[in-house]
Amino acid sequence: MSELLASIDQRTKLVGENRLELLLFQLNSQQIFAMNVFKVREVIAVPRMIKMPGSHENLCGVASLRGMSVPIVDLCKAIRMPKRPLGENQNVIITEYNRSVQGFLIGPVLNITNLSWSDILPPPKSAGKNNYLTAFTHIENKGKKQIVEIIDVEKVLAEIVAYDTQVSEKVLDDDVNTHLRGRKVLIVDDSATARAQIVDTLNQVGIQVIECNDGLQALKLLRSWANQGKKVTDEILMMFTDAEMPEMDGYMLTAEVRGDPRMSDLYITLNTSLSGSFNEAMVEKVGCDNFISKFQPDLLVTAAQTRMKQLLNKK
């Protein structure tokens, strides 16, 4: 398994090229599921776990890994699939999301596949709001096409750890927020859970939110305004975008915006669960104005206030 993930660091160059690599695995059926390799620290055999009294029902327990206490999530149970006993084909994916480390109990690990984000599609609307997928794609397996389902990890985690969207009083600038009330921002994220968190946060200072599910949808919206002769910066104060999304990622979206003189001055904040050190480099590469790791309500509001101050100072 270590050989499978040994070259993850080399794969980071795919981010920003509208490409990704997926770690494919199974749970308790022939269905294939996936997570982005870039969020995976390692894959290990099922470790010894301690069940914590009163812990969430979706947690198998807590494992001690390299001096760190890591909660292990029963992924089958978390996405409401039938459970099966631990067996020889069970593994644990250790991941980093939203500045926290956690493990996911899974079944057999299959392989890693390299894809373009344009090959990743959002789930159909008929799937309903309660599904646990952010996207799906197809792969060739033994001459047959198989569906790969990409799990909405942020939703899984949000059901275990309730994220507080309350903004601290200390960061609120009433003078600036007077000008923010009624202003619009565009948020771009494939996770409905993540979008809801941002909406709840920004609504506290009177900001209205326009939502897009992926980078391509957002780019089409921005271009439609420009094609109508509208100034994009008059329509929205700024844009918050996730990095990983179906069809077009946040890096490519930013590059497309910066390459269009009709909207190149749009203020863009990258808001992602990917590691901060990497994104600081990517922000500079593609031309984002700011980077915030998820989920930090105070920093979301601070970003909006900072942008508003910049505009007020120009007057």
C-alpha atoms as a PDB file:
ATOM      1  CA  MET A   1       0.000   0.000   0.000  1.00  0.00           C
ATOM      2  CA  SER A   2       2.876   2.388   0.725  1.00  0.00           C
ATOM      3  CA  GLU A   3       4.059   1.964  -2.869  1.00  0.00           C
ATOM      4  CA  LEU A   4       0.596   2.914  -4.105  1.00  0.00           C
ATOM      5  CA  LEU A   5       0.807   6.315  -2.403  1.00  0.00           C
ATOM      6  CA  ALA A   6       4.569   6.874  -2.490  1.00  0.00           C
ATOM      7  CA  SER A   7       4.438   9.397  -5.324  1.00  0.00           C
ATOM      8  CA  ILE A   8       1.526  11.528  -4.096  1.00  0.00           C
ATOM      9  CA  ASP A   9       3.790  14.554  -3.674  1.00  0.00           C
ATOM     10  CA  GLN A  10       4.681  14.393  -7.370  1.00  0.00           C
ATOM     11  CA  ARG A  11       1.024  14.354  -8.265  1.00  0.00           C
ATOM     12  CA  THR A  12       0.321  17.785  -6.771  1.00  0.00           C
ATOM     13  CA  LYS A  13       1.332  19.315 -10.094  1.00  0.00           C
ATOM     14  CA  LEU A  14      -1.975  18.049 -11.500  1.00  0.00           C
ATOM     15  CA  VAL A  15      -3.826  20.580  -9.366  1.00  0.00           C
ATOM     16  CA  GLY A  16      -4.070  23.755 -11.416  1.00  0.00           C
ATOM     17  CA  GLU A  17      -4.099  21.839 -14.703  1.00  0.00           C
ATOM     18  CA  ASN A  18      -7.800  20.924 -14.344  1.00  0.00           C
ATOM     19  CA  ARG A  19      -6.738  17.360 -13.596  1.00  0.00           C
ATOM     20  CA  LEU A  20      -6.919  15.152 -10.538  1.00  0.00           C
ATOM     21  CA  GLU A  21      -6.146  11.653  -9.403  1.00  0.00           C
ATOM     22  CA  LEU A  22      -8.675   9.540  -7.556  1.00  0.00           C
ATOM     23  CA  LEU A  23      -8.037   6.751  -5.096  1.00  0.00           C
ATOM     24  CA  LEU A  24     -10.592   4.068  -5.965  1.00  0.00           C
ATOM     25  CA  PHE A  25     -11.979   1.686  -3.358  1.00  0.00           C
ATOM     26  CA  GLN A  26     -14.987  -0.410  -2.458  1.00  0.00           C
ATOM     27  CA  LEU A  27     -17.073  -0.646   0.679  1.00  0.00           C
ATOM     28  CA  ASN A  28     -19.277  -3.697   0.997  1.00  0.00           C
ATOM     29  CA  SER A  29     -20.432  -4.136  -2.593  1.00  0.00           C
ATOM     30  CA  GLN A  30     -19.168  -4.010  -6.154  1.00  0.00           C
ATOM     31  CA  GLN A  31     -19.811  -0.266  -6.285  1.00  0.00           C
ATOM     32  CA  ILE A  32     -16.662   1.815  -6.743  1.00  0.00           C
ATOM     33  CA  PHE A  33     -16.129   4.933  -4.633  1.00  0.00           C
ATOM     34  CA  ALA A  34     -13.373   7.530  -4.755  1.00  0.00           C
ATOM     35  CA  MET A  35     -11.537  10.281  -2.903  1.00  0.00           C
ATOM     36  CA  ASN A  36      -9.074  12.798  -4.307  1.00  0.00           C
ATOM     37  CA  VAL A  37      -5.541  11.467  -3.789  1.00  0.00           C
ATOM     38  CA  PHE A  38      -4.338  14.925  -2.826  1.00  0.00           C
ATOM     39  CA  LYS A  39      -6.328  14.753   0.415  1.00  0.00           C
ATOM     40  CA  VAL A  40      -5.073  11.283   1.300  1.00  0.00           C
ATOM     41  CA  ARG A  41      -2.115  11.042   3.681  1.00  0.00           C
ATOM     42  CA  GLU A  42      -1.825   7.255   3.636  1.00  0.00           C
ATOM     43  CA  VAL A  43      -3.748   3.987   3.492  1.00  0.00           C
ATOM     44  CA  ILE A  44      -3.177   1.567   6.368  1.00  0.00           C
ATOM     45  CA  ALA A  45      -4.434  -1.734   7.710  1.00  0.00           C
ATOM     46  CA  VAL A  46      -7.199  -1.388  10.273  1.00  0.00           C
ATOM     47  CA  PRO A  47      -5.481  -0.162  13.452  1.00  0.00           C
ATOM     48  CA  ARG A  48      -6.361  -0.942  17.037  1.00  0.00           C
ATOM     49  CA  MET A  49      -9.171   1.404  18.019  1.00  0.00           C
ATOM     50  CA  ILE A  50     -10.674   2.554  21.292  1.00  0.00           C
ATOM     51  CA  LYS A  51     -14.387   3.222  21.390  1.00  0.00           C
ATOM     52  CA  MET A  52     -15.086   6.526  23.107  1.00  0.00           C
ATOM     53  CA  PRO A  53     -18.201   6.556  25.341  1.00  0.00           C
ATOM     54  CA  GLY A  54     -20.794   8.956  24.006  1.00  0.00           C
ATOM     55  CA  SER A  55     -19.068   9.386  20.647  1.00  0.00           C
ATOM     56  CA  HIS A  56     -21.007   9.765  17.412  1.00  0.00           C
ATOM     57  CA  GLU A  57     -22.590   6.582  16.078  1.00  0.00           C
ATOM     58  CA  ASN A  58     -20.662   6.895  12.797  1.00  0.00           C
ATOM     59  CA  LEU A  59     -17.302   6.658  14.560  1.00  0.00           C
ATOM     60  CA  CYS A  60     -15.660   3.238  14.883  1.00  0.00           C
ATOM     61  CA  GLY A  61     -13.352   4.622  17.525  1.00  0.00           C
ATOM     62  CA  VAL A  62     -10.099   6.508  17.971  1.00  0.00           C
ATOM     63  CA  ALA A  63      -6.686   5.207  16.921  1.00  0.00           C
ATOM     64  CA  SER A  64      -3.255   6.375  18.050  1.00  0.00           C
ATOM     65  CA  LEU A  65      -1.136   7.018  14.965  1.00  0.00           C
ATOM     66  CA  ARG A  66       2.362   8.496  15.284  1.00  0.00           C
ATOM     67  CA  GLY A  67       1.490  10.176  18.536  1.00  0.00           C
ATOM     68  CA  MET A  68      -1.778  11.613  17.218  1.00  0.00           C
ATOM     69  CA  SER A  69      -5.310  10.607  18.225  1.00  0.00           C
ATOM     70  CA  VAL A  70      -7.197  10.060  14.986  1.00  0.00           C
ATOM     71  CA  PRO A  71     -10.965   9.469  14.847  1.00  0.00           C
ATOM     72  CA  ILE A  72     -11.939   6.661  12.472  1.00  0.00           C
ATOM     73  CA  VAL A  73     -15.230   7.057  10.612  1.00  0.00           C
ATOM     74  CA  ASP A  74     -17.222   4.014   9.511  1.00  0.00           C
ATOM     75  CA  LEU A  75     -17.792   5.205   5.950  1.00  0.00           C
ATOM     76  CA  CYS A  76     -20.390   2.540   5.170  1.00  0.00           C
ATOM     77  CA  LYS A  77     -22.508   3.637   8.089  1.00  0.00           C
ATOM     78  CA  ALA A  78     -21.900   7.328   7.465  1.00  0.00           C
ATOM     79  CA  ILE A  79     -23.303   7.182   3.921  1.00  0.00           C
ATOM     80  CA  ARG A  80     -26.089   4.817   5.020  1.00  0.00           C
ATOM     81  CA  MET A  81     -24.964   1.672   3.255  1.00  0.00           C
ATOM     82  CA  PRO A  82     -25.505  -1.756   4.843  1.00  0.00           C
ATOM     83  CA  LYS A  83     -22.726  -2.596   7.272  1.00  0.00           C
ATOM     84  CA  ARG A  84     -20.590  -5.740   7.274  1.00  0.00           C
ATOM     85  CA  PRO A  85     -18.146  -7.058   9.885  1.00  0.00           C
ATOM     86  CA  LEU A  86     -14.451  -6.183   9.707  1.00  0.00           C
ATOM     87  CA  GLY A  87     -12.527  -8.580   7.507  1.00  0.00           C
ATOM     88  CA  GLU A  88      -9.213  -9.096   5.773  1.00  0.00           C
ATOM     89  CA  ASN A  89     -10.138  -6.735   2.965  1.00  0.00           C
ATOM     90  CA  GLN A  90     -10.728  -3.774   5.259  1.00  0.00           C
ATOM     91  CA  ASN A  91      -8.451  -0.718   5.222  1.00  0.00           C
ATOM     92  CA  VAL A  92      -8.365   2.786   6.628  1.00  0.00           C
ATOM     93  CA  ILE A  93      -7.758   5.919   4.555  1.00  0.00           C
ATOM     94  CA  ILE A  94      -6.072   8.648   6.595  1.00  0.00           C
ATOM     95  CA  THR A  95      -7.101  12.045   5.204  1.00  0.00           C
ATOM     96  CA  GLU A  96      -6.773  15.738   5.923  1.00  0.00           C
ATOM     97  CA  TYR A  97      -9.864  17.886   5.470  1.00  0.00           C
ATOM     98  CA  ASN A  98     -10.583  21.359   6.808  1.00  0.00           C
ATOM     99  CA  ARG A  99      -7.397  21.478   8.905  1.00  0.00           C
ATOM    100  CA  SER A 100      -8.208  18.189  10.657  1.00  0.00           C
ATOM    101  CA  VAL A 101      -6.958  14.613  10.281  1.00  0.00           C
ATOM    102  CA  GLN A 102      -9.348  11.674  10.296  1.00  0.00           C
ATOM    103  CA  GLY A 103      -9.538   8.117   9.030  1.00  0.00           C
ATOM    104  CA  PHE A 104     -12.237   6.373   7.027  1.00  0.00           C
ATOM    105  CA  LEU A 105     -12.867   2.646   7.356  1.00  0.00           C
ATOM    106  CA  ILE A 106     -13.273   1.208   3.858  1.00  0.00           C
ATOM    107  CA  GLY A 107     -13.053  -2.098   2.015  1.00  0.00           C
ATOM    108  CA  PRO A 108     -10.512  -3.090  -0.659  1.00  0.00           C
ATOM    109  CA  VAL A 109      -8.395  -0.384  -2.284  1.00  0.00           C
ATOM    110  CA  LEU A 110      -8.394  -0.820  -6.076  1.00  0.00           C
ATOM    111  CA  ASN A 111      -6.008   1.644  -7.708  1.00  0.00           C
ATOM    112  CA  ILE A 112      -5.369   5.277  -8.562  1.00  0.00           C
ATOM    113  CA  THR A 113      -6.727   6.816 -11.745  1.00  0.00           C
ATOM    114  CA  ASN A 114      -5.736  10.054 -13.479  1.00  0.00           C
ATOM    115  CA  LEU A 115      -8.628  12.087 -14.892  1.00  0.00           C
ATOM    116  CA  SER A 116      -9.565  15.528 -16.158  1.00  0.00           C
ATOM    117  CA  TRP A 117     -12.065  17.495 -14.092  1.00  0.00           C
ATOM    118  CA  SER A 118     -14.059  17.779 -17.332  1.00  0.00           C
ATOM    119  CA  ASP A 119     -14.684  14.020 -16.983  1.00  0.00           C
ATOM    120  CA  ILE A 120     -16.157  14.514 -13.503  1.00  0.00           C
ATOM    121  CA  LEU A 121     -19.886  15.179 -13.518  1.00  0.00           C
ATOM    122  CA  PRO A 122     -22.193  16.473 -10.791  1.00  0.00           C
ATOM    123  CA  PRO A 123     -24.806  14.028  -9.506  1.00  0.00           C
ATOM    124  CA  PRO A 124     -28.201  14.281 -11.235  1.00  0.00           C
ATOM    125  CA  LYS A 125     -30.736  16.572  -9.564  1.00  0.00           C
ATOM    126  CA  SER A 126     -33.052  13.569  -9.266  1.00  0.00           C
ATOM    127  CA  ALA A 127     -30.608  12.133  -6.711  1.00  0.00           C
ATOM    128  CA  GLY A 128     -32.107  14.515  -4.143  1.00  0.00           C
ATOM    129  CA  LYS A 129     -30.465  16.727  -1.533  1.00  0.00           C
ATOM    130  CA  ASN A 130     -29.654  13.958   0.928  1.00  0.00           C
ATOM    131  CA  ASN A 131     -27.241  11.940  -1.185  1.00  0.00           C
ATOM    132  CA  TYR A 132     -23.583  11.692  -0.143  1.00  0.00           C
ATOM    133  CA  LEU A 133     -21.982  12.363  -3.515  1.00  0.00           C
ATOM    134  CA  THR A 134     -20.380  15.486  -4.903  1.00  0.00           C
ATOM    135  CA  ALA A 135     -19.789  13.946  -8.309  1.00  0.00           C
ATOM    136  CA  PHE A 136     -19.362  10.798 -10.354  1.00  0.00           C
ATOM    137  CA  THR A 137     -17.375   9.628 -13.350  1.00  0.00           C
ATOM    138  CA  HIS A 138     -16.783   6.518 -15.479  1.00  0.00           C
ATOM    139  CA  ILE A 139     -13.732   4.313 -15.795  1.00  0.00           C
ATOM    140  CA  GLU A 140     -12.837   1.368 -17.988  1.00  0.00           C
ATOM    141  CA  ASN A 141     -12.556  -1.821 -15.950  1.00  0.00           C
ATOM    142  CA  LYS A 142     -11.894  -5.120 -17.720  1.00  0.00           C
ATOM    143  CA  GLY A 143     -13.360  -3.774 -20.953  1.00  0.00           C
ATOM    144  CA  LYS A 144     -16.497  -2.456 -19.284  1.00  0.00           C
ATOM    145  CA  LYS A 145     -17.480   1.044 -18.193  1.00  0.00           C
ATOM    146  CA  GLN A 146     -18.104   1.364 -14.493  1.00  0.00           C
ATOM    147  CA  ILE A 147     -19.506   4.268 -12.526  1.00  0.00           C
ATOM    148  CA  VAL A 148     -17.265   5.772  -9.856  1.00  0.00           C
ATOM    149  CA  GLU A 149     -19.002   7.706  -7.088  1.00  0.00           C
ATOM    150  CA  ILE A 150     -17.056  10.555  -5.441  1.00  0.00           C
ATOM    151  CA  ILE A 151     -18.083  10.986  -1.818  1.00  0.00           C
ATOM    152  CA  ASP A 152     -19.017  14.336  -0.267  1.00  0.00           C
ATOM    153  CA  VAL A 153     -16.607  14.025   2.646  1.00  0.00           C
ATOM    154  CA  GLU A 154     -17.514  17.484   3.924  1.00  0.00           C
ATOM    155  CA  LYS A 155     -21.101  16.376   4.392  1.00  0.00           C
ATOM    156  CA  VAL A 156     -19.995  13.179   6.159  1.00  0.00           C
ATOM    157  CA  LEU A 157     -17.816  15.171   8.560  1.00  0.00           C
ATOM    158  CA  ALA A 158     -20.403  17.901   9.139  1.00  0.00           C
ATOM    159  CA  GLU A 159     -22.863  15.268  10.380  1.00  0.00           C
ATOM    160  CA  ILE A 160     -20.320  14.167  12.986  1.00  0.00           C
ATOM    161  CA  VAL A 161     -18.829  17.524  13.992  1.00  0.00           C
ATOM    162  CA  ALA A 162     -21.292  20.419  13.956  1.00  0.00           C
ATOM    163  CA  TYR A 163     -19.517  23.413  12.411  1.00  0.00           C
ATOM    164  CA  ASP A 164     -20.277  26.692  14.174  1.00  0.00           C
ATOM    165  CA  THR A 165     -21.122  29.399  11.625  1.00  0.00           C
ATOM    166  CA  GLN A 166     -21.389  32.180  14.212  1.00  0.00           C
ATOM    167  CA  VAL A 167     -19.098  35.124  13.464  1.00  0.00           C
ATOM    168  CA  SER A 168     -17.132  36.519  16.403  1.00  0.00           C
ATOM    169  CA  GLU A 169     -18.069  40.007  17.531  1.00  0.00           C
ATOM    170  CA  LYS A 170     -14.397  41.009  17.579  1.00  0.00           C
ATOM    171  CA  VAL A 171     -14.049  40.751  13.790  1.00  0.00           C
ATOM    172  CA  LEU A 172     -17.183  42.691  12.905  1.00  0.00           C
ATOM    173  CA  ASP A 173     -16.614  46.201  11.601  1.00  0.00           C
ATOM    174  CA  ASP A 174     -19.994  47.945  11.801  1.00  0.00           C
ATOM    175  CA  ASP A 175     -18.901  50.887   9.645  1.00  0.00           C
ATOM    176  CA  VAL A 176     -17.857  48.588   6.820  1.00  0.00           C
ATOM    177  CA  ASN A 177     -20.759  46.183   7.286  1.00  0.00           C
ATOM    178  CA  THR A 178     -23.196  49.023   6.680  1.00  0.00           C
ATOM    179  CA  HIS A 179     -21.897  49.053   3.113  1.00  0.00           C
ATOM    180  CA  LEU A 180     -21.919  45.250   2.851  1.00  0.00           C
ATOM    181  CA  ARG A 181     -25.656  44.925   3.486  1.00  0.00           C
ATOM    182  CA  GLY A 182     -27.383  44.055   0.243  1.00  0.00           C
ATOM    183  CA  ARG A 183     -24.150  43.455  -1.650  1.00  0.00           C
ATOM    184  CA  LYS A 184     -23.879  40.180  -3.551  1.00  0.00           C
ATOM    185  CA  VAL A 185     -21.090  37.620  -3.660  1.00  0.00           C
ATOM    186  CA  LEU A 186     -20.708  34.511  -5.791  1.00  0.00           C
ATOM    187  CA  ILE A 187     -19.813  31.265  -4.050  1.00  0.00           C
ATOM    188  CA  VAL A 188     -18.664  28.286  -6.114  1.00  0.00           C
ATOM    189  CA  ASP A 189     -18.553  24.881  -4.439  1.00  0.00           C
ATOM    190  CA  ASP A 190     -19.730  21.394  -5.384  1.00  0.00           C
ATOM    191  CA  SER A 191     -20.631  20.548  -1.780  1.00  0.00           C
ATOM    192  CA  ALA A 192     -24.109  21.687  -0.754  1.00  0.00           C
ATOM    193  CA  THR A 193     -22.954  21.433   2.863  1.00  0.00           C
ATOM    194  CA  ALA A 194     -20.052  23.816   2.244  1.00  0.00           C
ATOM    195  CA  ARG A 195     -22.270  26.277   0.376  1.00  0.00           C
ATOM    196  CA  ALA A 196     -24.821  26.281   3.197  1.00  0.00           C
ATOM    197  CA  GLN A 197     -22.060  27.020   5.725  1.00  0.00           C
ATOM    198  CA  ILE A 198     -20.850  30.006   3.718  1.00  0.00           C
ATOM    199  CA  VAL A 199     -24.383  31.321   3.160  1.00  0.00           C
ATOM    200  CA  ASP A 200     -25.174  31.110   6.889  1.00  0.00           C
ATOM    201  CA  THR A 201     -21.938  32.966   7.650  1.00  0.00           C
ATOM    202  CA  LEU A 202     -22.232  35.800   5.140  1.00  0.00           C
ATOM    203  CA  ASN A 203     -25.923  36.362   5.769  1.00  0.00           C
ATOM    204  CA  GLN A 204     -24.962  37.548   9.269  1.00  0.00           C
ATOM    205  CA  VAL A 205     -23.522  40.739   7.773  1.00  0.00           C
ATOM    206  CA  GLY A 206     -26.327  41.186   5.257  1.00  0.00           C
ATOM    207  CA  ILE A 207     -24.523  39.800   2.222  1.00  0.00           C
ATOM    208  CA  GLN A 208     -26.668  38.138  -0.431  1.00  0.00           C
ATOM    209  CA  VAL A 209     -25.251  35.003  -2.011  1.00  0.00           C
ATOM    210  CA  ILE A 210     -25.409  33.636  -5.544  1.00  0.00           C
ATOM    211  CA  GLU A 211     -24.528  29.938  -5.644  1.00  0.00           C
ATOM    212  CA  CYS A 212     -22.871  27.836  -8.359  1.00  0.00           C
ATOM    213  CA  ASN A 213     -22.117  24.112  -8.117  1.00  0.00           C
ATOM    214  CA  ASP A 214     -18.904  24.068 -10.143  1.00  0.00           C
ATOM    215  CA  GLY A 215     -16.379  26.220 -11.920  1.00  0.00           C
ATOM    216  CA  LEU A 216     -17.865  25.833 -15.398  1.00  0.00           C
ATOM    217  CA  GLN A 217     -21.301  26.924 -14.202  1.00  0.00           C
ATOM    218  CA  ALA A 218     -19.752  29.958 -12.529  1.00  0.00           C
ATOM    219  CA  LEU A 219     -17.722  30.885 -15.616  1.00  0.00           C
ATOM    220  CA  LYS A 220     -20.833  30.698 -17.801  1.00  0.00           C
ATOM    221  CA  LEU A 221     -22.673  33.003 -15.403  1.00  0.00           C
ATOM    222  CA  LEU A 222     -19.848  35.543 -15.333  1.00  0.00           C
ATOM    223  CA  ARG A 223     -19.536  35.469 -19.123  1.00  0.00           C
ATOM    224  CA  SER A 224     -23.288  35.910 -19.539  1.00  0.00           C
ATOM    225  CA  TRP A 225     -23.109  39.143 -17.556  1.00  0.00           C
ATOM    226  CA  ALA A 226     -20.136  40.334 -19.602  1.00  0.00           C
ATOM    227  CA  ASN A 227     -21.880  39.417 -22.864  1.00  0.00           C
ATOM    228  CA  GLN A 228     -24.852  41.522 -21.794  1.00  0.00           C
ATOM    229  CA  GLY A 229     -22.567  44.509 -21.352  1.00  0.00           C
ATOM    230  CA  LYS A 230     -22.713  44.339 -17.564  1.00  0.00           C
ATOM    231  CA  LYS A 231     -19.680  45.033 -15.434  1.00  0.00           C
ATOM    232  CA  VAL A 232     -19.057  41.889 -13.400  1.00  0.00           C
ATOM    233  CA  THR A 233     -17.742  43.874 -10.433  1.00  0.00           C
ATOM    234  CA  ASP A 234     -21.014  45.810 -10.360  1.00  0.00           C
ATOM    235  CA  GLU A 235     -22.969  42.549 -10.160  1.00  0.00           C
ATOM    236  CA  ILE A 236     -20.941  41.000  -7.330  1.00  0.00           C
ATOM    237  CA  LEU A 237     -18.526  42.236  -4.692  1.00  0.00           C
ATOM    238  CA  MET A 238     -16.279  39.185  -4.978  1.00  0.00           C
ATOM    239  CA  MET A 239     -16.167  35.444  -5.583  1.00  0.00           C
ATOM    240  CA  PHE A 240     -15.362  32.632  -3.132  1.00  0.00           C
ATOM    241  CA  THR A 241     -14.398  29.443  -4.947  1.00  0.00           C
ATOM    242  CA  ASP A 242     -13.517  25.923  -3.901  1.00  0.00           C
ATOM    243  CA  ALA A 243     -10.508  24.259  -5.541  1.00  0.00           C
ATOM    244  CA  GLU A 244     -11.888  20.800  -6.420  1.00  0.00           C
ATOM    245  CA  MET A 245     -15.095  20.733  -8.454  1.00  0.00           C
ATOM    246  CA  PRO A 246     -16.624  18.736 -11.323  1.00  0.00           C
ATOM    247  CA  GLU A 247     -16.074  19.905 -14.906  1.00  0.00           C
ATOM    248  CA  MET A 248     -13.782  22.821 -13.948  1.00  0.00           C
ATOM    249  CA  ASP A 249     -11.740  23.322 -10.787  1.00  0.00           C
ATOM    250  CA  GLY A 250     -11.265  26.598  -8.949  1.00  0.00           C
ATOM    251  CA  TYR A 251      -7.754  27.137 -10.272  1.00  0.00           C
ATOM    252  CA  MET A 252      -8.853  26.856 -13.888  1.00  0.00           C
ATOM    253  CA  LEU A 253     -11.871  29.077 -13.162  1.00  0.00           C
ATOM    254  CA  THR A 254      -9.578  31.750 -11.747  1.00  0.00           C
ATOM    255  CA  ALA A 255      -7.220  31.502 -14.710  1.00  0.00           C
ATOM    256  CA  GLU A 256     -10.157  31.882 -17.132  1.00  0.00           C
ATOM    257  CA  VAL A 257     -11.444  34.947 -15.268  1.00  0.00           C
ATOM    258  CA  ARG A 258      -8.007  36.557 -15.193  1.00  0.00           C
ATOM    259  CA  GLY A 259      -7.617  35.908 -18.921  1.00  0.00           C
ATOM    260  CA  ASP A 260     -10.825  37.781 -19.818  1.00  0.00           C
ATOM    261  CA  PRO A 261     -10.312  41.581 -19.719  1.00  0.00           C
ATOM    262  CA  ARG A 262     -14.039  42.082 -19.135  1.00  0.00           C
ATOM    263  CA  MET A 263     -13.787  40.476 -15.684  1.00  0.00           C
ATOM    264  CA  SER A 264     -10.084  40.233 -14.901  1.00  0.00           C
ATOM    265  CA  ASP A 265     -10.359  42.630 -11.948  1.00  0.00           C
ATOM    266  CA  LEU A 266     -12.853  40.443 -10.063  1.00  0.00           C
ATOM    267  CA  TYR A 267     -11.707  39.859  -6.476  1.00  0.00           C
ATOM    268  CA  ILE A 268     -11.312  36.092  -5.938  1.00  0.00           C
ATOM    269  CA  THR A 269     -10.809  34.219  -2.679  1.00  0.00           C
ATOM    270  CA  LEU A 270      -9.911  30.532  -2.802  1.00  0.00           C
ATOM    271  CA  ASN A 271     -11.793  28.711  -0.028  1.00  0.00           C
ATOM    272  CA  THR A 272     -10.752  25.084   0.131  1.00  0.00           C
ATOM    273  CA  SER A 273     -10.062  22.131   2.396  1.00  0.00           C
ATOM    274  CA  LEU A 274      -6.740  21.441   0.636  1.00  0.00           C
ATOM    275  CA  SER A 275      -3.498  22.143   2.530  1.00  0.00           C
ATOM    276  CA  GLY A 276      -2.593  25.760   3.094  1.00  0.00           C
ATOM    277  CA  SER A 277       1.096  25.653   2.144  1.00  0.00           C
ATOM    278  CA  PHE A 278       0.295  24.242  -1.283  1.00  0.00           C
ATOM    279  CA  ASN A 279      -2.501  26.720  -1.929  1.00  0.00           C
ATOM    280  CA  GLU A 280      -0.350  29.708  -1.074  1.00  0.00           C
ATOM    281  CA  ALA A 281       1.762  28.756  -4.081  1.00  0.00           C
ATOM    282  CA  MET A 282      -1.284  28.049  -6.245  1.00  0.00           C
ATOM    283  CA  VAL A 283      -2.899  31.387  -5.326  1.00  0.00           C
ATOM    284  CA  GLU A 284       0.147  33.157  -6.681  1.00  0.00           C
ATOM    285  CA  LYS A 285       0.298  30.927  -9.766  1.00  0.00           C
ATOM    286  CA  VAL A 286      -3.297  31.429 -10.951  1.00  0.00           C
ATOM    287  CA  GLY A 287      -3.850  34.920  -9.569  1.00  0.00           C
ATOM    288  CA  CYS A 288      -6.275  34.582  -6.660  1.00  0.00           C
ATOM    289  CA  ASP A 289      -6.380  37.554  -4.285  1.00  0.00           C
ATOM    290  CA  ASN A 290      -6.722  35.553  -1.078  1.00  0.00           C
ATOM    291  CA  PHE A 291      -6.782  32.042   0.352  1.00  0.00           C
ATOM    292  CA  ILE A 292      -8.858  30.707   3.264  1.00  0.00           C
ATOM    293  CA  SER A 293      -8.790  27.098   4.423  1.00  0.00           C
ATOM    294  CA  LYS A 294     -12.212  25.704   5.313  1.00  0.00           C
ATOM    295  CA  PHE A 295     -14.196  26.248   7.491  1.00  0.00           C
ATOM    296  CA  GLN A 296     -13.479  29.573   9.232  1.00  0.00           C
ATOM    297  CA  PRO A 297     -16.458  31.949   9.517  1.00  0.00           C
ATOM    298  CA  ASP A 298     -14.402  34.827  10.924  1.00  0.00           C
ATOM    299  CA  LEU A 299     -12.005  34.715   7.977  1.00  0.00           C
ATOM    300  CA  LEU A 300     -14.850  34.572   5.443  1.00  0.00           C
ATOM    301  CA  VAL A 301     -16.367  37.751   6.839  1.00  0.00           C
ATOM    302  CA  THR A 302     -12.947  39.376   7.199  1.00  0.00           C
ATOM    303  CA  ALA A 303     -12.282  38.686   3.501  1.00  0.00           C
ATOM    304  CA  ALA A 304     -15.548  40.384   2.521  1.00  0.00           C
ATOM    305  CA  GLN A 305     -14.856  43.328   4.822  1.00  0.00           C
ATOM    306  CA  THR A 306     -11.330  43.695   3.417  1.00  0.00           C
ATOM    307  CA  ARG A 307     -12.650  43.817  -0.130  1.00  0.00           C
ATOM    308  CA  MET A 308     -15.285  46.376   0.842  1.00  0.00           C
ATOM    309  CA  LYS A 309     -12.647  48.563   2.519  1.00  0.00           C
ATOM    310  CA  GLN A 310     -10.558  48.482  -0.647  1.00  0.00           C
ATOM    311  CA  LEU A 311     -13.499  49.786  -2.673  1.00  0.00           C
ATOM    312  CA  LEU A 312     -14.354  52.460  -0.104  1.00  0.00           C
ATOM    313  CA  ASN A 313     -10.759  53.681  -0.039  1.00  0.00           C
ATOM    314  CA  LYS A 314     -10.812  54.150  -3.815  1.00  0.00           C
ATOM    315  CA  LYS A 315     -13.682  56.607  -3.607  1.00  0.00           C
END
